[in-house]
Amino acid sequence: MVKQTVHEHRDQMRGGKGSAEMYHIIEKDADSETVRLFSKIVLNPSSSIGKHQHVGETEPFYILSGEGLFTVNDEPGERVHPGDICMMNPGDYHTIENLSDTEELSMMALIYKKD
């Protein structure tokens, strides 16, 4: 089976600033017991995903392009670049921000249940 991604535009994603484009590969209504989301996320220039938490699940990011600032809990943020993998444990609070005012930050995001 061949399937097309589903595009979704989000403003102030999770209380963040600016906007993001989501290209869903696996959506939350898919028939999966472990994966809730598998998407390419593009943060537009100067945009961010607000600080939020996943309970009983985790969400690694794989940075495809651009430069960002990834923050977990109250730790200092870390700069991320293409090829970096951002990891968090279930229950951690996290956020990511596009540091550029001209370039997009794109990444793959996977939300899955983790006991």
C-alpha atoms as a PDB file:
ATOM      1  CA  MET A   1       0.000   0.000   0.000  1.00  0.00           C
ATOM      2  CA  VAL A   2       1.192   3.514  -0.800  1.00  0.00           C
ATOM      3  CA  LYS A   3      -0.095   6.363   1.306  1.00  0.00           C
ATOM      4  CA  GLN A   4       0.341  10.140   1.167  1.00  0.00           C
ATOM      5  CA  THR A   5       1.299  12.231   4.169  1.00  0.00           C
ATOM      6  CA  VAL A   6      -1.393  14.398   5.712  1.00  0.00           C
ATOM      7  CA  HIS A   7      -0.408  18.065   6.062  1.00  0.00           C
ATOM      8  CA  GLU A   8      -1.477  20.118   9.066  1.00  0.00           C
ATOM      9  CA  HIS A   9      -0.635  23.772   9.806  1.00  0.00           C
ATOM     10  CA  ARG A  10      -0.371  24.622  13.513  1.00  0.00           C
ATOM     11  CA  ASP A  11      -0.145  28.104  15.053  1.00  0.00           C
ATOM     12  CA  GLN A  12       1.422  28.470  18.524  1.00  0.00           C
ATOM     13  CA  MET A  13       1.995  24.702  18.754  1.00  0.00           C
ATOM     14  CA  ARG A  14       1.728  23.542  22.382  1.00  0.00           C
ATOM     15  CA  GLY A  15       1.735  27.197  23.451  1.00  0.00           C
ATOM     16  CA  GLY A  16       4.899  28.006  21.506  1.00  0.00           C
ATOM     17  CA  LYS A  17       5.471  30.977  19.247  1.00  0.00           C
ATOM     18  CA  GLY A  18       5.011  31.254  15.498  1.00  0.00           C
ATOM     19  CA  SER A  19       3.840  28.318  13.429  1.00  0.00           C
ATOM     20  CA  ALA A  20       4.707  24.813  12.327  1.00  0.00           C
ATOM     21  CA  GLU A  21       3.894  22.516   9.438  1.00  0.00           C
ATOM     22  CA  MET A  22       3.264  18.870  10.265  1.00  0.00           C
ATOM     23  CA  TYR A  23       3.423  16.074   7.706  1.00  0.00           C
ATOM     24  CA  HIS A  24       1.838  13.053   9.366  1.00  0.00           C
ATOM     25  CA  ILE A  25       3.174   9.645   8.341  1.00  0.00           C
ATOM     26  CA  ILE A  26       1.344   7.792  11.106  1.00  0.00           C
ATOM     27  CA  GLU A  27      -1.525   9.631  12.744  1.00  0.00           C
ATOM     28  CA  LYS A  28      -3.033   9.163  16.182  1.00  0.00           C
ATOM     29  CA  ASP A  29      -6.100   7.431  14.715  1.00  0.00           C
ATOM     30  CA  ALA A  30      -3.955   4.805  12.975  1.00  0.00           C
ATOM     31  CA  ASP A  31      -4.257   1.194  14.046  1.00  0.00           C
ATOM     32  CA  SER A  32      -1.184   1.128  16.290  1.00  0.00           C
ATOM     33  CA  GLU A  33      -0.982   0.119  19.917  1.00  0.00           C
ATOM     34  CA  THR A  34       2.409   1.725  20.506  1.00  0.00           C
ATOM     35  CA  VAL A  35       2.883   4.626  18.055  1.00  0.00           C
ATOM     36  CA  ARG A  36       0.715   7.731  18.504  1.00  0.00           C
ATOM     37  CA  LEU A  37       2.510   9.978  16.021  1.00  0.00           C
ATOM     38  CA  PHE A  38       5.243   9.739  13.408  1.00  0.00           C
ATOM     39  CA  SER A  39       5.604  13.029  11.544  1.00  0.00           C
ATOM     40  CA  LYS A  40       7.969  15.398   9.853  1.00  0.00           C
ATOM     41  CA  ILE A  41       7.671  18.720  11.669  1.00  0.00           C
ATOM     42  CA  VAL A  42       8.876  21.956  10.126  1.00  0.00           C
ATOM     43  CA  LEU A  43       9.229  24.875  12.517  1.00  0.00           C
ATOM     44  CA  ASN A  44       8.991  28.093  10.579  1.00  0.00           C
ATOM     45  CA  PRO A  45      11.603  30.819  11.251  1.00  0.00           C
ATOM     46  CA  SER A  46      11.598  32.113  14.861  1.00  0.00           C
ATOM     47  CA  SER A  47       8.969  29.530  15.867  1.00  0.00           C
ATOM     48  CA  SER A  48       8.867  27.025  18.698  1.00  0.00           C
ATOM     49  CA  ILE A  49       6.939  24.137  20.203  1.00  0.00           C
ATOM     50  CA  GLY A  50       5.955  25.155  23.724  1.00  0.00           C
ATOM     51  CA  LYS A  51       7.050  23.339  26.860  1.00  0.00           C
ATOM     52  CA  HIS A  52       4.934  20.222  27.357  1.00  0.00           C
ATOM     53  CA  GLN A  53       5.010  16.744  28.870  1.00  0.00           C
ATOM     54  CA  HIS A  54       4.273  13.220  27.645  1.00  0.00           C
ATOM     55  CA  VAL A  55       3.074  10.874  30.397  1.00  0.00           C
ATOM     56  CA  GLY A  56       3.665   7.171  29.708  1.00  0.00           C
ATOM     57  CA  GLU A  57       5.221   7.916  26.336  1.00  0.00           C
ATOM     58  CA  THR A  58       8.310   9.500  24.847  1.00  0.00           C
ATOM     59  CA  GLU A  59       9.081  11.566  21.750  1.00  0.00           C
ATOM     60  CA  PRO A  60      12.541  11.548  20.196  1.00  0.00           C
ATOM     61  CA  PHE A  61      13.329  14.154  17.523  1.00  0.00           C
ATOM     62  CA  TYR A  62      15.759  13.585  14.641  1.00  0.00           C
ATOM     63  CA  ILE A  63      16.951  16.931  13.276  1.00  0.00           C
ATOM     64  CA  LEU A  64      16.944  17.034   9.456  1.00  0.00           C
ATOM     65  CA  SER A  65      17.845  20.674   8.768  1.00  0.00           C
ATOM     66  CA  GLY A  66      18.254  24.010  10.479  1.00  0.00           C
ATOM     67  CA  GLU A  67      19.468  24.923  13.953  1.00  0.00           C
ATOM     68  CA  GLY A  68      17.471  24.876  17.150  1.00  0.00           C
ATOM     69  CA  LEU A  69      17.527  25.021  20.909  1.00  0.00           C
ATOM     70  CA  PHE A  70      16.275  21.859  22.640  1.00  0.00           C
ATOM     71  CA  THR A  71      15.404  22.026  26.341  1.00  0.00           C
ATOM     72  CA  VAL A  72      14.430  19.205  28.736  1.00  0.00           C
ATOM     73  CA  ASN A  73      12.914  20.001  32.136  1.00  0.00           C
ATOM     74  CA  ASP A  74      14.817  22.883  33.750  1.00  0.00           C
ATOM     75  CA  GLU A  75      18.196  21.983  32.261  1.00  0.00           C
ATOM     76  CA  PRO A  76      20.040  24.535  30.121  1.00  0.00           C
ATOM     77  CA  GLY A  77      19.020  24.314  26.467  1.00  0.00           C
ATOM     78  CA  GLU A  78      21.305  22.592  23.975  1.00  0.00           C
ATOM     79  CA  ARG A  79      21.886  23.734  20.404  1.00  0.00           C
ATOM     80  CA  VAL A  80      20.889  21.084  17.881  1.00  0.00           C
ATOM     81  CA  HIS A  81      21.920  20.624  14.245  1.00  0.00           C
ATOM     82  CA  PRO A  82      21.197  18.193  11.390  1.00  0.00           C
ATOM     83  CA  GLY A  83      21.907  14.612  12.460  1.00  0.00           C
ATOM     84  CA  ASP A  84      21.288  15.257  16.173  1.00  0.00           C
ATOM     85  CA  ILE A  85      18.808  13.102  18.082  1.00  0.00           C
ATOM     86  CA  CYS A  86      16.934  14.801  20.915  1.00  0.00           C
ATOM     87  CA  MET A  87      15.892  12.341  23.619  1.00  0.00           C
ATOM     88  CA  MET A  88      13.615  12.677  26.616  1.00  0.00           C
ATOM     89  CA  ASN A  89      12.241  10.206  29.145  1.00  0.00           C
ATOM     90  CA  PRO A  90       8.525   9.667  29.813  1.00  0.00           C
ATOM     91  CA  GLY A  91       7.318  12.436  32.103  1.00  0.00           C
ATOM     92  CA  ASP A  92      10.021  14.923  31.078  1.00  0.00           C
ATOM     93  CA  TYR A  93       8.956  18.404  30.025  1.00  0.00           C
ATOM     94  CA  HIS A  94      10.510  19.538  26.766  1.00  0.00           C
ATOM     95  CA  THR A  95      10.514  22.274  24.151  1.00  0.00           C
ATOM     96  CA  ILE A  96      12.340  23.080  20.922  1.00  0.00           C
ATOM     97  CA  GLU A  97      12.861  26.442  19.258  1.00  0.00           C
ATOM     98  CA  ASN A  98      14.014  27.408  15.770  1.00  0.00           C
ATOM     99  CA  LEU A  99      16.877  29.856  16.341  1.00  0.00           C
ATOM    100  CA  SER A 100      16.868  31.279  12.812  1.00  0.00           C
ATOM    101  CA  ASP A 101      14.734  34.198  11.694  1.00  0.00           C
ATOM    102  CA  THR A 102      15.166  33.186   8.023  1.00  0.00           C
ATOM    103  CA  GLU A 103      15.559  29.370   7.810  1.00  0.00           C
ATOM    104  CA  GLU A 104      13.224  26.507   8.722  1.00  0.00           C
ATOM    105  CA  LEU A 105      14.067  23.831  11.298  1.00  0.00           C
ATOM    106  CA  SER A 106      12.832  20.409  10.195  1.00  0.00           C
ATOM    107  CA  MET A 107      12.812  17.172  12.147  1.00  0.00           C
ATOM    108  CA  MET A 108      11.234  13.767  12.374  1.00  0.00           C
ATOM    109  CA  ALA A 109       9.178  13.192  15.536  1.00  0.00           C
ATOM    110  CA  LEU A 110       7.976   9.876  16.891  1.00  0.00           C
ATOM    111  CA  ILE A 111       5.618   9.647  19.894  1.00  0.00           C
ATOM    112  CA  TYR A 112       5.339   6.140  21.285  1.00  0.00           C
ATOM    113  CA  LYS A 113       4.228   4.449  24.489  1.00  0.00           C
ATOM    114  CA  LYS A 114       6.985   3.541  26.886  1.00  0.00           C
ATOM    115  CA  ASP A 115       6.334   1.826  30.193  1.00  0.00           C
END
